[in-house]
């Protein structure tokens, strides 16, 4: 998920929540015009005329990734296990 959306130095910053203690943050890369940093995603507003749409697309992409990570794993049981 995303914990904060802010503007900093002419860029939109999408800030995920901090990683749990002792773990490194691993951000999934987003497609251009986004730049993936160590702890946040960055988008230059002045170089992105459709920056509002870019924000919405990024949030949707990140939410789909999160849904896939949380989805329960479905396994097939063999006929023998079902008995």
C-alpha atoms as a PDB file:
ATOM      1  CA  UNK A   1       0.000   0.000   0.000  1.00  0.00           C
ATOM      2  CA  UNK A   2       0.847   3.653   0.029  1.00  0.00           C
ATOM      3  CA  UNK A   3       1.078   5.502   3.341  1.00  0.00           C
ATOM      4  CA  UNK A   4       1.450   9.031   1.925  1.00  0.00           C
ATOM      5  CA  UNK A   5       1.222  11.057  -1.263  1.00  0.00           C
ATOM      6  CA  UNK A   6       3.074  14.371  -1.232  1.00  0.00           C
ATOM      7  CA  UNK A   7       4.693  16.949  -3.489  1.00  0.00           C
ATOM      8  CA  UNK A   8       8.371  17.633  -2.973  1.00  0.00           C
ATOM      9  CA  UNK A   9      10.565  19.819  -5.194  1.00  0.00           C
ATOM     10  CA  UNK A  10       8.112  19.690  -8.108  1.00  0.00           C
ATOM     11  CA  UNK A  11       7.698  15.926  -7.893  1.00  0.00           C
ATOM     12  CA  UNK A  12       4.866  13.728  -6.682  1.00  0.00           C
ATOM     13  CA  UNK A  13       6.123  11.226  -4.134  1.00  0.00           C
ATOM     14  CA  UNK A  14       4.275   7.997  -3.334  1.00  0.00           C
ATOM     15  CA  UNK A  15       5.546   6.792   0.045  1.00  0.00           C
ATOM     16  CA  UNK A  16       4.879   3.197   1.089  1.00  0.00           C
ATOM     17  CA  UNK A  17       4.707   2.374   4.792  1.00  0.00           C
ATOM     18  CA  UNK A  18       8.063   1.692   6.443  1.00  0.00           C
ATOM     19  CA  UNK A  19       9.435  -1.832   6.245  1.00  0.00           C
ATOM     20  CA  UNK A  20       9.224  -3.900   9.435  1.00  0.00           C
ATOM     21  CA  UNK A  21      12.170  -3.533  11.812  1.00  0.00           C
ATOM     22  CA  UNK A  22      15.220  -5.351  10.555  1.00  0.00           C
ATOM     23  CA  UNK A  23      13.922  -5.696   6.987  1.00  0.00           C
ATOM     24  CA  UNK A  24      14.845  -3.729   3.871  1.00  0.00           C
ATOM     25  CA  UNK A  25      12.143  -2.107   1.779  1.00  0.00           C
ATOM     26  CA  UNK A  26      11.749  -3.774  -1.621  1.00  0.00           C
ATOM     27  CA  UNK A  27       9.758  -1.587  -3.986  1.00  0.00           C
ATOM     28  CA  UNK A  28       8.320  -3.093  -7.125  1.00  0.00           C
ATOM     29  CA  UNK A  29       9.448  -1.004 -10.129  1.00  0.00           C
ATOM     30  CA  UNK A  30       6.808   1.137 -11.802  1.00  0.00           C
ATOM     31  CA  UNK A  31       6.898   1.929 -15.501  1.00  0.00           C
ATOM     32  CA  UNK A  32       7.946   5.357 -16.779  1.00  0.00           C
ATOM     33  CA  UNK A  33       7.369   8.177 -16.106  1.00  0.00           C
ATOM     34  CA  UNK A  34       7.867   6.927 -12.527  1.00  0.00           C
ATOM     35  CA  UNK A  35      11.279   6.607 -10.923  1.00  0.00           C
ATOM     36  CA  UNK A  36      11.599   3.980  -8.218  1.00  0.00           C
ATOM     37  CA  UNK A  37      13.831   5.044  -5.347  1.00  0.00           C
ATOM     38  CA  UNK A  38      15.011   3.131  -2.294  1.00  0.00           C
ATOM     39  CA  UNK A  39      11.990   4.127  -0.199  1.00  0.00           C
ATOM     40  CA  UNK A  40       9.507   5.870  -2.520  1.00  0.00           C
ATOM     41  CA  UNK A  41       8.226   6.398  -6.073  1.00  0.00           C
ATOM     42  CA  UNK A  42       8.888   9.768  -7.764  1.00  0.00           C
ATOM     43  CA  UNK A  43       7.167  11.547 -10.673  1.00  0.00           C
ATOM     44  CA  UNK A  44       8.277  14.898 -12.121  1.00  0.00           C
ATOM     45  CA  UNK A  45       5.151  16.993 -12.570  1.00  0.00           C
ATOM     46  CA  UNK A  46       6.539  19.455 -15.137  1.00  0.00           C
ATOM     47  CA  UNK A  47       7.681  16.665 -17.488  1.00  0.00           C
ATOM     48  CA  UNK A  48       4.424  14.729 -17.195  1.00  0.00           C
ATOM     49  CA  UNK A  49       1.440  16.619 -18.671  1.00  0.00           C
ATOM     50  CA  UNK A  50      -0.944  13.820 -17.634  1.00  0.00           C
ATOM     51  CA  UNK A  51       0.456  13.522 -14.099  1.00  0.00           C
ATOM     52  CA  UNK A  52      -2.977  12.997 -12.501  1.00  0.00           C
ATOM     53  CA  UNK A  53      -3.609   9.963 -14.688  1.00  0.00           C
ATOM     54  CA  UNK A  54      -0.083   8.709 -13.968  1.00  0.00           C
ATOM     55  CA  UNK A  55      -0.795   8.826 -10.225  1.00  0.00           C
ATOM     56  CA  UNK A  56      -4.045   6.906 -10.603  1.00  0.00           C
ATOM     57  CA  UNK A  57      -2.405   4.285 -12.847  1.00  0.00           C
ATOM     58  CA  UNK A  58       0.439   3.803 -10.344  1.00  0.00           C
ATOM     59  CA  UNK A  59      -1.955   3.426  -7.415  1.00  0.00           C
ATOM     60  CA  UNK A  60      -3.992   0.855  -9.358  1.00  0.00           C
ATOM     61  CA  UNK A  61      -0.857  -1.085 -10.337  1.00  0.00           C
ATOM     62  CA  UNK A  62       0.379  -1.118  -6.749  1.00  0.00           C
ATOM     63  CA  UNK A  63      -3.004  -2.210  -5.398  1.00  0.00           C
ATOM     64  CA  UNK A  64      -3.135  -5.099  -7.894  1.00  0.00           C
ATOM     65  CA  UNK A  65       0.310  -6.218  -6.745  1.00  0.00           C
ATOM     66  CA  UNK A  66      -0.805  -6.086  -3.120  1.00  0.00           C
ATOM     67  CA  UNK A  67      -3.970  -8.082  -3.880  1.00  0.00           C
ATOM     68  CA  UNK A  68      -1.907 -10.795  -5.583  1.00  0.00           C
ATOM     69  CA  UNK A  69       0.429 -10.967  -2.586  1.00  0.00           C
ATOM     70  CA  UNK A  70      -2.468 -11.326  -0.134  1.00  0.00           C
ATOM     71  CA  UNK A  71      -4.480 -13.820  -2.196  1.00  0.00           C
ATOM     72  CA  UNK A  72      -4.738 -17.240  -0.571  1.00  0.00           C
ATOM     73  CA  UNK A  73      -2.858 -19.959  -2.310  1.00  0.00           C
ATOM     74  CA  UNK A  74      -5.187 -22.530  -3.816  1.00  0.00           C
ATOM     75  CA  UNK A  75      -3.826 -26.014  -4.110  1.00  0.00           C
ATOM     76  CA  UNK A  76      -5.389 -29.014  -5.796  1.00  0.00           C
ATOM     77  CA  UNK A  77      -5.888 -32.047  -3.621  1.00  0.00           C
ATOM     78  CA  UNK A  78      -5.380 -35.413  -5.171  1.00  0.00           C
ATOM     79  CA  UNK A  79      -8.366 -37.785  -5.193  1.00  0.00           C
ATOM     80  CA  UNK A  80      -6.558 -39.901  -2.621  1.00  0.00           C
ATOM     81  CA  UNK A  81      -6.217 -36.910  -0.190  1.00  0.00           C
ATOM     82  CA  UNK A  82      -9.889 -36.023  -0.593  1.00  0.00           C
ATOM     83  CA  UNK A  83     -11.013 -39.386   0.838  1.00  0.00           C
END
